[in-house]
């Protein structure tokens, strides 16, 4: 069966490279080169788009808690292009580090008894995580393959596309819905932004969390990928997501991402809280909440509406296009909140207007060489006395104008210091190059009109209130927040 999975993967990869995949594939973003600087923030866009879920599954999305424990708190390790959560799967438990991704549902781990094959994963060589941790089902006494009768199998094969593995295996969606297919769940394929592709087998095993276990946790056991070097913990709203299987979709979760300067610091972790404690009144009173936007085309994603952006303190807010505030008749538009995308993307021509406004307020010389090399659009040579980057970081709001997001329901978020411009290399000769870590959406025909990425979420408490269908923001020092949860062990 592993051979069949590899054949399926190669077939789908060839199809993907020939650009014959259907329109459900997530949009692709430009990926700046990573060869020039160890300070460069890479893009890993994992905002996948899945086909609509069969209606019979909608009642299964909100699951009751598995026990009386109403909270799970997990530490997030920061690497250069995202935040990692450790999953302990199997008997005995095997620890696997995967990316936290609010832009997709499926949780998958690199899987195999001998090797894990990742095609065109050049970034892995330069990544702070030297090699992916791999799960071995043969070394777990409780691991087994999911069946066609499983609702999770229906969820991951929710299409009658003739190329879908279920159809190839002779199990159509109608057969799955009626639970008349007695075969094992066929191998699946899953696409991500930038043309990422994975293929694997839907597997069940014990997931051991800090305060509760999921005895029949469903996840992808993946042996082959294209441009996806590390596994993913899907935190979307679908049946397959980690919060759903932990029983927290009727409540919610929150995170507070540490700044990128704490990359690979073993003494401090970003806090991730699932359950009622993430939504306590004392915490939510001080947050600015904006409603989630629901679309039948992307029911499992977290969308919000952006009304305007203010540059500086005395400039009239720049109004955004309607596509960022609402969906069109096909369900496209809105702003996707996605921890799996490193930095924020905005549509044209609004993005270019934003750049023009920023340029008019910044007097430092442009670093055009860095712009050409990295793919970022606004880079400047900033004076850095004594080559002391730390002192410069403390004055960053005096160097560059502030950027404030205005969301629906009068929710505002002034981006914290350091969430807009970032140093591309160490200071040299009394100056340092800093670039704006925003980028344009390259294709506005379908999917989200914009993406709110993880870099702009640093030092921001983000609360996903799934019961009231709203997302809250509050700028704060996430180092102090981590310390309050016992996640700061000193330097």
Protein backbone atom coordinates (compact mmCIF):
# COMPACT_ATOMS: atom_id res chain seq x y z
CA UNK A 1 0.00 0.00 0.00
CA UNK A 2 2.97 2.33 0.60
CA UNK A 3 3.97 1.78 -3.04
CA UNK A 4 0.48 2.80 -4.15
CA UNK A 5 0.80 5.97 -2.09
CA UNK A 6 4.09 6.87 -3.82
CA UNK A 7 2.56 6.21 -7.25
CA UNK A 8 -0.40 8.42 -6.37
CA UNK A 9 1.95 11.14 -5.14
CA UNK A 10 4.05 11.09 -8.32
CA UNK A 11 0.94 11.18 -10.49
CA UNK A 12 -0.47 14.17 -8.60
CA UNK A 13 2.90 15.92 -8.57
CA UNK A 14 3.19 15.63 -12.34
CA UNK A 15 -0.35 16.93 -12.67
CA UNK A 16 0.44 19.83 -10.36
CA UNK A 17 3.60 20.76 -12.25
CA UNK A 18 1.71 20.71 -15.53
CA UNK A 19 -0.79 23.15 -14.00
CA UNK A 20 -3.75 20.85 -14.63
CA UNK A 21 -4.93 20.70 -11.04
CA UNK A 22 -8.41 22.04 -10.39
CA UNK A 23 -9.17 25.49 -9.02
CA UNK A 24 -9.45 24.36 -5.41
CA UNK A 25 -5.69 24.62 -5.00
CA UNK A 26 -4.67 27.50 -2.73
CA UNK A 27 -3.17 30.57 -4.38
CA UNK A 28 0.58 30.75 -4.71
CA UNK A 29 2.73 33.52 -3.24
CA UNK A 30 6.17 34.77 -4.23
CA UNK A 31 8.85 33.31 -1.98
CA UNK A 32 11.86 35.60 -1.39
CA UNK A 33 15.26 33.96 -1.64
CA UNK A 34 16.67 32.59 1.60
CA UNK A 35 20.26 32.20 0.48
CA UNK A 36 21.47 35.65 1.43
CA UNK A 37 20.76 36.15 5.10
CA UNK A 38 20.19 34.18 8.24
CA UNK A 39 17.82 36.94 9.39
CA UNK A 40 15.44 36.58 6.46
CA UNK A 41 11.89 35.53 7.28
CA UNK A 42 10.72 32.85 4.87
CA UNK A 43 7.24 32.32 3.55
CA UNK A 44 5.49 29.04 4.22
CA UNK A 45 1.99 29.59 2.93
CA UNK A 46 -0.21 26.76 4.14
CA UNK A 47 -3.65 28.23 3.63
CA UNK A 48 -5.06 25.22 1.82
CA UNK A 49 -8.46 25.20 0.22
CA UNK A 50 -10.57 22.08 0.57
CA UNK A 51 -13.71 21.11 -1.26
CA UNK A 52 -17.07 21.66 0.44
CA UNK A 53 -17.82 19.13 3.13
CA UNK A 54 -20.82 16.83 2.65
CA UNK A 55 -23.86 18.26 4.44
CA UNK A 56 -24.30 15.15 6.53
CA UNK A 57 -21.04 15.96 8.33
CA UNK A 58 -21.91 19.46 9.50
CA UNK A 59 -23.48 18.27 12.74
CA UNK A 60 -20.28 16.47 13.67
CA UNK A 61 -18.14 19.59 13.63
CA UNK A 62 -18.99 20.71 17.15
CA UNK A 63 -17.83 17.91 19.40
CA UNK A 64 -18.35 17.58 23.12
CA UNK A 65 -15.31 17.70 25.40
CA UNK A 66 -13.67 14.36 26.02
CA UNK A 67 -13.44 14.95 29.76
CA UNK A 68 -14.24 17.48 32.46
CA UNK A 69 -10.90 19.20 31.88
CA UNK A 70 -11.69 22.47 30.09
CA UNK A 71 -8.25 23.69 29.09
CA UNK A 72 -5.11 22.50 27.36
CA UNK A 73 -2.00 24.68 27.43
CA UNK A 74 0.82 23.83 25.04
CA UNK A 75 4.15 25.59 24.43
CA UNK A 76 5.05 26.67 20.90
CA UNK A 77 8.67 26.58 19.81
CA UNK A 78 9.61 29.35 17.43
CA UNK A 79 11.63 28.69 14.30
CA UNK A 80 12.51 31.11 11.56
CA UNK A 81 9.38 30.64 9.48
CA UNK A 82 6.67 29.68 11.96
CA UNK A 83 5.77 28.12 15.29
CA UNK A 84 6.12 24.46 16.16
CA UNK A 85 3.96 22.36 18.46
CA UNK A 86 5.06 18.96 19.71
CA UNK A 87 2.61 16.09 19.22
CA UNK A 88 3.07 12.91 21.25
CA UNK A 89 1.52 10.12 19.21
CA UNK A 90 1.43 6.37 19.66
CA UNK A 91 2.26 3.69 22.23
CA UNK A 92 4.89 4.30 23.42
CA UNK A 93 4.57 8.01 22.54
CA UNK A 94 6.67 9.36 19.69
CA UNK A 95 7.33 13.11 19.78
CA UNK A 96 6.85 14.85 16.43
CA UNK A 97 7.28 18.60 15.92
CA UNK A 98 4.88 20.18 13.43
CA UNK A 99 3.86 23.68 12.38
CA UNK A 100 0.83 25.31 13.99
CA UNK A 101 -1.43 26.27 11.06
CA UNK A 102 -4.76 28.06 11.48
CA UNK A 103 -5.15 28.10 7.69
CA UNK A 104 -5.85 24.36 7.26
CA UNK A 105 -7.58 21.46 9.01
CA UNK A 106 -5.57 18.32 8.44
CA UNK A 107 -2.92 17.35 10.96
CA UNK A 108 -0.17 15.31 9.34
CA UNK A 109 3.24 14.05 10.35
CA UNK A 110 6.25 12.83 8.34
CA UNK A 111 5.81 9.10 8.41
CA UNK A 112 7.82 6.08 7.47
CA UNK A 113 9.85 3.23 8.85
CA UNK A 114 12.94 4.02 6.78
CA UNK A 115 12.76 7.50 5.34
CA UNK A 116 10.60 10.53 4.61
CA UNK A 117 10.86 11.87 1.04
CA UNK A 118 10.55 15.63 0.52
CA UNK A 119 10.98 16.94 -3.04
CA UNK A 120 12.29 20.50 -3.56
CA UNK A 121 12.63 21.17 0.14
CA UNK A 122 15.68 23.37 -0.19
CA UNK A 123 14.60 25.54 2.72
CA UNK A 124 15.04 22.56 5.03
CA UNK A 125 18.81 22.76 4.58
CA UNK A 126 18.82 26.32 5.90
CA UNK A 127 16.07 25.81 8.46
CA UNK A 128 16.73 26.02 12.18
CA UNK A 129 15.07 22.62 12.46
CA UNK A 130 17.84 20.53 10.89
CA UNK A 131 15.69 17.53 10.06
CA UNK A 132 12.04 16.63 10.49
CA UNK A 133 10.98 14.26 13.23
CA UNK A 134 9.38 11.15 11.75
CA UNK A 135 6.58 8.99 13.13
CA UNK A 136 6.88 5.22 12.69
CA UNK A 137 3.53 3.36 12.82
CA UNK A 138 5.36 0.03 13.15
CA UNK A 139 6.78 1.18 16.47
CA UNK A 140 3.34 1.98 17.90
CA UNK A 141 1.20 -0.87 19.22
CA UNK A 142 -1.98 1.26 18.91
CA UNK A 143 -1.61 2.55 15.34
CA UNK A 144 -4.06 1.45 12.65
CA UNK A 145 -5.31 2.64 9.29
CA UNK A 146 -8.65 4.44 9.16
CA UNK A 147 -11.57 2.87 7.31
CA UNK A 148 -13.82 4.11 4.54
CA UNK A 149 -16.75 4.20 6.98
CA UNK A 150 -14.98 6.85 9.08
CA UNK A 151 -16.37 10.40 8.97
CA UNK A 152 -12.76 11.60 8.75
CA UNK A 153 -12.30 9.61 5.55
CA UNK A 154 -15.37 11.32 4.11
CA UNK A 155 -13.98 14.68 5.19
CA UNK A 156 -10.67 14.26 3.43
CA UNK A 157 -12.26 12.76 0.29
CA UNK A 158 -15.18 15.14 -0.11
CA UNK A 159 -15.19 15.15 -3.90
CA UNK A 160 -16.47 13.02 -6.75
CA UNK A 161 -13.58 14.24 -8.90
CA UNK A 162 -12.52 11.23 -11.03
CA UNK A 163 -8.90 11.78 -9.93
CA UNK A 164 -9.78 11.58 -6.24
CA UNK A 165 -8.26 8.42 -4.71
CA UNK A 166 -11.66 7.36 -3.36
CA UNK A 167 -13.12 7.33 -6.84
CA UNK A 168 -10.06 5.52 -8.18
CA UNK A 169 -10.44 2.91 -5.43
CA UNK A 170 -14.10 2.40 -6.30
CA UNK A 171 -15.53 4.21 -3.26
CA UNK A 172 -17.49 7.26 -4.34
CA UNK A 173 -18.59 9.98 -1.94
CA UNK A 174 -22.15 8.64 -2.05
CA UNK A 175 -20.90 5.22 -0.91
CA UNK A 176 -18.89 6.84 1.87
CA UNK A 177 -21.87 8.85 3.09
CA UNK A 178 -23.93 5.68 3.26
CA UNK A 179 -21.03 3.85 4.97
CA UNK A 180 -21.32 1.11 2.37
CA UNK A 181 -17.63 1.11 1.48
CA UNK A 182 -15.92 -1.61 3.50
CA UNK A 183 -12.40 -0.92 2.28
CA UNK A 184 -9.63 0.95 4.10
CA UNK A 185 -9.68 4.69 3.58
CA UNK A 186 -7.82 5.29 0.29
CA UNK A 187 -4.63 7.31 0.17
CA UNK A 188 -5.26 11.05 0.07
CA UNK A 189 -3.60 14.10 -1.49
CA UNK A 190 -3.65 17.58 0.02
CA UNK A 191 -2.48 20.83 -1.60
CA UNK A 192 -1.08 24.00 -0.03
CA UNK A 193 -0.07 27.45 -1.20
CA UNK A 194 3.09 27.85 -3.30
CA UNK A 195 2.22 24.55 -4.97
CA UNK A 196 2.91 22.45 -1.88
CA UNK A 197 1.60 18.89 -2.05
CA UNK A 198 1.45 15.96 0.34
CA UNK A 199 0.21 12.41 -0.06
CA UNK A 200 -0.40 9.86 2.64
CA UNK A 201 -2.66 7.51 4.53
CA UNK A 202 -5.30 8.51 7.08
CA UNK A 203 -4.20 6.88 10.34
CA UNK A 204 -5.59 6.53 13.88
CA UNK A 205 -3.54 6.44 17.08
CA UNK A 206 -3.41 7.82 20.61
CA UNK A 207 -2.59 11.52 20.93
CA UNK A 208 -1.29 12.42 24.39
CA UNK A 209 -1.87 16.04 25.35
CA UNK A 210 -0.87 17.59 28.66
CA UNK A 211 -4.26 17.23 30.32
CA UNK A 212 -6.19 14.86 28.09
CA UNK A 213 -5.69 12.07 25.57
CA UNK A 214 -7.46 11.43 22.29
CA UNK A 215 -7.52 7.61 21.98
CA UNK A 216 -8.45 7.49 18.26
CA UNK A 217 -6.83 10.64 16.93
CA UNK A 218 -7.04 10.87 13.13
CA UNK A 219 -4.06 12.28 11.23
CA UNK A 220 -2.22 11.96 7.96
CA UNK A 221 0.69 9.54 7.87
CA UNK A 222 2.67 11.15 5.05
CA UNK A 223 5.64 9.56 3.30
CA UNK A 224 6.07 11.90 0.32
CA UNK A 225 5.75 15.67 -0.01
CA UNK A 226 6.53 18.43 -2.45
CA UNK A 227 7.82 21.67 -0.84
CA UNK A 228 6.48 20.67 2.59
CA UNK A 229 9.46 19.63 4.77
CA UNK A 230 7.76 19.56 8.18
CA UNK A 231 4.39 18.24 9.39
CA UNK A 232 1.42 20.47 10.21
CA UNK A 233 -1.10 20.70 13.03
CA UNK A 234 -4.30 21.95 11.40
CA UNK A 235 -6.17 24.43 13.64
CA UNK A 236 -9.02 25.22 11.24
CA UNK A 237 -12.73 24.77 12.00
CA UNK A 238 -13.19 21.42 10.28
CA UNK A 239 -13.81 17.94 11.59
CA UNK A 240 -10.18 16.88 11.10
CA UNK A 241 -8.61 19.80 12.96
CA UNK A 242 -6.72 19.39 16.22
CA UNK A 243 -9.08 21.65 18.25
CA UNK A 244 -12.05 19.71 16.87
CA UNK A 245 -10.67 16.33 17.88
CA UNK A 246 -9.72 17.68 21.30
CA UNK A 247 -13.34 18.80 21.73
CA UNK A 248 -12.71 22.56 21.78
CA UNK A 249 -14.54 23.78 18.67
CA UNK A 250 -17.50 24.88 20.79
CA UNK A 251 -15.10 27.04 22.81
CA UNK A 252 -11.94 28.31 21.20
CA UNK A 253 -8.24 28.90 21.66
CA UNK A 254 -5.65 31.65 21.86
CA UNK A 255 -1.97 32.18 21.16
CA UNK A 256 0.64 34.86 21.76
CA UNK A 257 3.54 34.60 19.30
CA UNK A 258 6.99 35.61 20.51
CA UNK A 259 8.99 37.94 18.25
CA UNK A 260 11.32 36.33 15.72
CA UNK A 261 14.40 37.38 17.68
CA UNK A 262 13.62 34.48 20.04
CA UNK A 263 14.11 31.94 17.25
CA UNK A 264 15.45 28.68 18.66
CA UNK A 265 15.73 30.07 22.20
CA UNK A 266 15.24 26.89 24.27
CA UNK A 267 14.39 28.84 27.43
CA UNK A 268 11.12 30.42 26.32
CA UNK A 269 8.06 29.30 24.36
CA UNK A 270 4.98 31.01 22.97
CA UNK A 271 1.80 30.08 24.89
CA UNK A 272 -1.04 28.26 23.14
CA UNK A 273 -4.22 27.82 25.18
CA UNK A 274 -7.22 25.71 24.12
CA UNK A 275 -10.56 25.71 25.92
CA UNK A 276 -12.51 27.92 28.31
CA UNK A 277 -9.47 29.57 29.89
CA UNK A 278 -8.64 31.20 26.57
CA UNK A 279 -12.04 32.92 26.67
CA UNK A 280 -12.29 34.01 30.33
CA UNK A 281 -14.01 37.35 30.90
CA UNK A 282 -10.94 38.87 32.53
CA UNK A 283 -8.93 38.19 29.39
CA UNK A 284 -11.50 39.07 26.73
CA UNK A 285 -12.66 42.37 28.26
CA UNK A 286 -9.51 44.12 27.08
CA UNK A 287 -9.53 42.67 23.56
CA UNK A 288 -10.80 44.25 20.35
CA UNK A 289 -13.13 41.71 18.72
CA UNK A 290 -14.14 41.52 15.10
CA UNK A 291 -16.72 39.04 13.74
CA UNK A 292 -15.72 35.99 11.73
CA UNK A 293 -16.98 36.02 8.17
CA UNK A 294 -18.57 32.76 7.05
CA UNK A 295 -18.58 31.54 3.48
CA UNK A 296 -19.88 28.17 2.25
CA UNK A 297 -16.89 27.88 -0.07
CA UNK A 298 -14.34 27.94 2.77
CA UNK A 299 -16.33 26.99 5.88
CA UNK A 300 -13.34 25.74 7.87
CA UNK A 301 -11.17 28.88 7.63
CA UNK A 302 -10.95 31.96 9.84
CA UNK A 303 -11.96 35.02 7.84
CA UNK A 304 -12.39 38.58 9.07
CA UNK A 305 -13.17 41.89 7.36
CA UNK A 306 -10.63 44.71 7.02
CA UNK A 307 -12.07 48.23 6.64
CA UNK A 308 -9.00 50.45 6.46
CA UNK A 309 -5.34 50.87 7.35
CA UNK A 310 -3.80 53.96 8.96
CA UNK A 311 -0.19 54.90 8.28
CA UNK A 312 1.27 57.10 11.02
CA UNK A 313 -0.86 59.08 13.46
CA UNK A 314 -2.07 62.10 11.50
CA UNK A 315 -3.02 60.58 8.19
CA UNK A 316 -6.55 59.74 7.10
CA UNK A 317 -7.08 55.96 7.02
CA UNK A 318 -6.67 54.36 3.62
CA UNK A 319 -9.93 52.66 2.68
CA UNK A 320 -9.56 49.10 1.47
CA UNK A 321 -11.48 47.55 -1.44
CA UNK A 322 -14.78 45.80 -0.73
CA UNK A 323 -13.14 42.45 -1.43
CA UNK A 324 -11.30 42.70 1.92
CA UNK A 325 -14.53 43.40 3.82
CA UNK A 326 -16.95 40.92 2.33
CA UNK A 327 -17.32 37.93 0.02
CA UNK A 328 -18.49 38.00 -3.56
CA UNK A 329 -21.29 35.81 -4.92
CA UNK A 330 -18.87 32.89 -5.31
CA UNK A 331 -17.62 33.15 -1.71
CA UNK A 332 -14.24 34.73 -2.52
CA UNK A 333 -12.76 37.69 -0.64
CA UNK A 334 -12.22 38.64 2.99
CA UNK A 335 -8.99 38.48 5.00
CA UNK A 336 -7.76 35.06 6.09
CA UNK A 337 -6.15 34.85 9.53
CA UNK A 338 -3.40 32.32 8.91
CA UNK A 339 -0.52 31.39 11.20
CA UNK A 340 0.85 29.23 8.39
CA UNK A 341 1.65 32.31 6.26
CA UNK A 342 4.66 34.18 7.57
CA UNK A 343 3.70 37.72 6.62
CA UNK A 344 0.65 39.69 5.57
CA UNK A 345 -0.50 39.81 1.93
CA UNK A 346 -2.77 42.52 0.49
CA UNK A 347 -4.45 42.81 -2.93
CA UNK A 348 -3.57 45.16 -5.76
CA UNK A 349 -3.96 48.06 -6.33
CA UNK A 350 -4.49 48.65 -2.61
CA UNK A 351 -1.09 47.16 -1.79
CA UNK A 352 0.71 49.57 -4.12
CA UNK A 353 -1.22 52.51 -2.66
CA UNK A 354 -0.04 51.45 0.78
CA UNK A 355 3.57 51.34 -0.44
CA UNK A 356 3.23 54.83 -1.94
CA UNK A 357 1.93 56.21 1.35
CA UNK A 358 4.77 54.62 3.28
CA UNK A 359 7.39 55.91 0.83
CA UNK A 360 6.11 59.45 1.22
CA UNK A 361 6.77 59.35 4.97
CA UNK A 362 10.17 57.59 5.00
CA UNK A 363 13.31 59.58 4.16
CA UNK A 364 15.99 56.89 4.44
CA UNK A 365 17.79 55.74 1.25
CA UNK A 366 16.29 52.73 -0.51
CA UNK A 367 18.21 49.45 -0.47
CA UNK A 368 17.29 48.41 -3.99
CA UNK A 369 19.85 45.61 -4.12
CA UNK A 370 18.21 43.95 -1.15
CA UNK A 371 14.80 44.39 -2.73
CA UNK A 372 15.95 42.63 -5.89
CA UNK A 373 17.65 39.86 -3.96
CA UNK A 374 14.89 39.12 -1.46
CA UNK A 375 11.68 39.97 -3.32
CA UNK A 376 10.51 42.44 -0.67
CA UNK A 377 9.21 45.73 -2.05
CA UNK A 378 10.38 48.37 0.45
CA UNK A 379 13.86 48.12 1.96
CA UNK A 380 15.80 50.97 3.55
CA UNK A 381 19.30 51.60 4.84
CA UNK A 382 18.78 52.76 8.40
CA UNK A 383 21.51 54.32 10.57
CA UNK A 384 22.53 51.96 13.37
CA UNK A 385 25.02 53.68 15.72
CA UNK A 386 27.73 51.36 17.04
CA UNK A 387 26.08 48.57 15.03
CA UNK A 388 23.80 48.01 18.03
CA UNK A 389 20.63 46.43 16.65
CA UNK A 390 19.03 46.11 20.09
CA UNK A 391 18.98 49.85 20.69
CA UNK A 392 17.62 50.35 17.18
CA UNK A 393 14.75 47.91 17.84
CA UNK A 394 13.67 49.99 20.83
CA UNK A 395 13.32 53.06 18.61
CA UNK A 396 11.77 51.37 15.59
CA UNK A 397 8.47 53.27 15.89
CA UNK A 398 10.45 56.50 15.68
CA UNK A 399 12.25 55.24 12.57
CA UNK A 400 9.23 54.03 10.61
CA UNK A 401 5.60 55.19 10.69
CA UNK A 402 3.12 53.10 12.65
CA UNK A 403 0.63 50.86 10.89
CA UNK A 404 -2.87 50.38 12.31
CA UNK A 405 -5.42 47.85 11.05
CA UNK A 406 -9.11 48.75 11.35
CA UNK A 407 -11.31 45.66 11.27
CA UNK A 408 -15.11 45.34 11.17
CA UNK A 409 -17.02 46.20 14.36
CA UNK A 410 -14.62 49.11 15.13
CA UNK A 411 -11.85 46.72 16.17
CA UNK A 412 -8.42 48.32 15.79
CA UNK A 413 -4.93 46.87 16.09
CA UNK A 414 -1.85 49.08 16.20
CA UNK A 415 0.91 46.75 15.06
CA UNK A 416 3.53 46.37 17.81
CA UNK A 417 7.09 47.56 17.38
CA UNK A 418 8.97 45.42 14.92
CA UNK A 419 5.92 43.90 13.21
CA UNK A 420 6.30 45.90 10.00
CA UNK A 421 9.98 46.30 9.12
CA UNK A 422 12.63 43.68 9.86
CA UNK A 423 16.43 43.66 9.66
CA UNK A 424 17.65 41.53 6.77
CA UNK A 425 21.18 41.10 8.13
CA UNK A 426 23.40 42.11 11.01
CA UNK A 427 24.37 45.82 11.14
CA UNK A 428 27.48 46.79 9.23
CA UNK A 429 29.39 50.10 8.91
CA UNK A 430 26.89 51.86 11.16
CA UNK A 431 23.78 50.93 9.20
CA UNK A 432 21.34 48.07 8.72
CA UNK A 433 18.89 47.19 5.96
CA UNK A 434 15.29 46.79 7.07
CA UNK A 435 12.47 45.63 4.79
CA UNK A 436 8.70 45.85 4.97
CA UNK A 437 7.37 42.34 5.58
CA UNK A 438 4.16 42.76 3.64
CA UNK A 439 3.55 41.46 0.14
CA UNK A 440 0.91 41.59 -2.56
CA UNK A 441 -1.57 38.87 -3.40
CA UNK A 442 -0.51 37.70 -6.82
CA UNK A 443 -3.86 36.28 -7.92
CA UNK A 444 -7.13 37.92 -6.97
CA UNK A 445 -9.46 35.67 -8.94
CA UNK A 446 -10.37 33.31 -6.11
CA UNK A 447 -9.79 32.58 -2.46
CA UNK A 448 -9.05 35.22 0.16
CA UNK A 449 -8.45 38.81 -0.88
CA UNK A 450 -5.80 39.17 1.83
CA UNK A 451 -3.95 37.15 4.45
CA UNK A 452 -3.05 38.27 7.99
CA UNK A 453 0.23 36.45 8.61
CA UNK A 454 2.09 35.30 11.70
CA UNK A 455 4.81 37.98 11.58
CA UNK A 456 2.20 40.70 12.09
CA UNK A 457 0.71 38.62 14.93
CA UNK A 458 3.89 38.74 17.02
CA UNK A 459 3.42 40.28 20.47
CA UNK A 460 -0.33 40.14 19.90
CA UNK A 461 -2.76 38.08 21.93
CA UNK A 462 -5.06 36.48 19.36
CA UNK A 463 -8.24 34.85 20.69
CA UNK A 464 -10.44 32.63 18.54
CA UNK A 465 -13.86 32.75 20.20
CA UNK A 466 -15.57 29.99 18.25
CA UNK A 467 -18.77 30.04 20.31
CA UNK A 468 -19.48 33.68 19.46
CA UNK A 469 -17.73 33.43 16.07
CA UNK A 470 -15.34 36.31 16.58
CA UNK A 471 -11.59 36.91 16.75
CA UNK A 472 -10.00 39.25 19.27
CA UNK A 473 -6.69 41.10 19.19
CA UNK A 474 -4.65 42.82 21.88
CA UNK A 475 -1.07 44.00 21.55
CA UNK A 476 1.01 42.80 24.50
CA UNK A 477 4.44 41.60 25.52
CA UNK A 478 4.28 37.87 24.76
CA UNK A 479 7.44 37.29 26.80
CA UNK A 480 5.54 38.37 29.90
CA UNK A 481 2.54 36.33 28.80
CA UNK A 482 4.77 33.28 28.44
CA UNK A 483 6.24 33.90 31.89
CA UNK A 484 2.75 34.07 33.40
CA UNK A 485 2.20 30.51 32.15
CA UNK A 486 5.56 29.26 33.37
CA UNK A 487 7.05 29.09 29.87
CA UNK A 488 9.96 31.50 30.49
CA UNK A 489 12.90 29.69 32.05
CA UNK A 490 15.31 32.60 31.84
CA UNK A 491 17.96 33.32 29.31
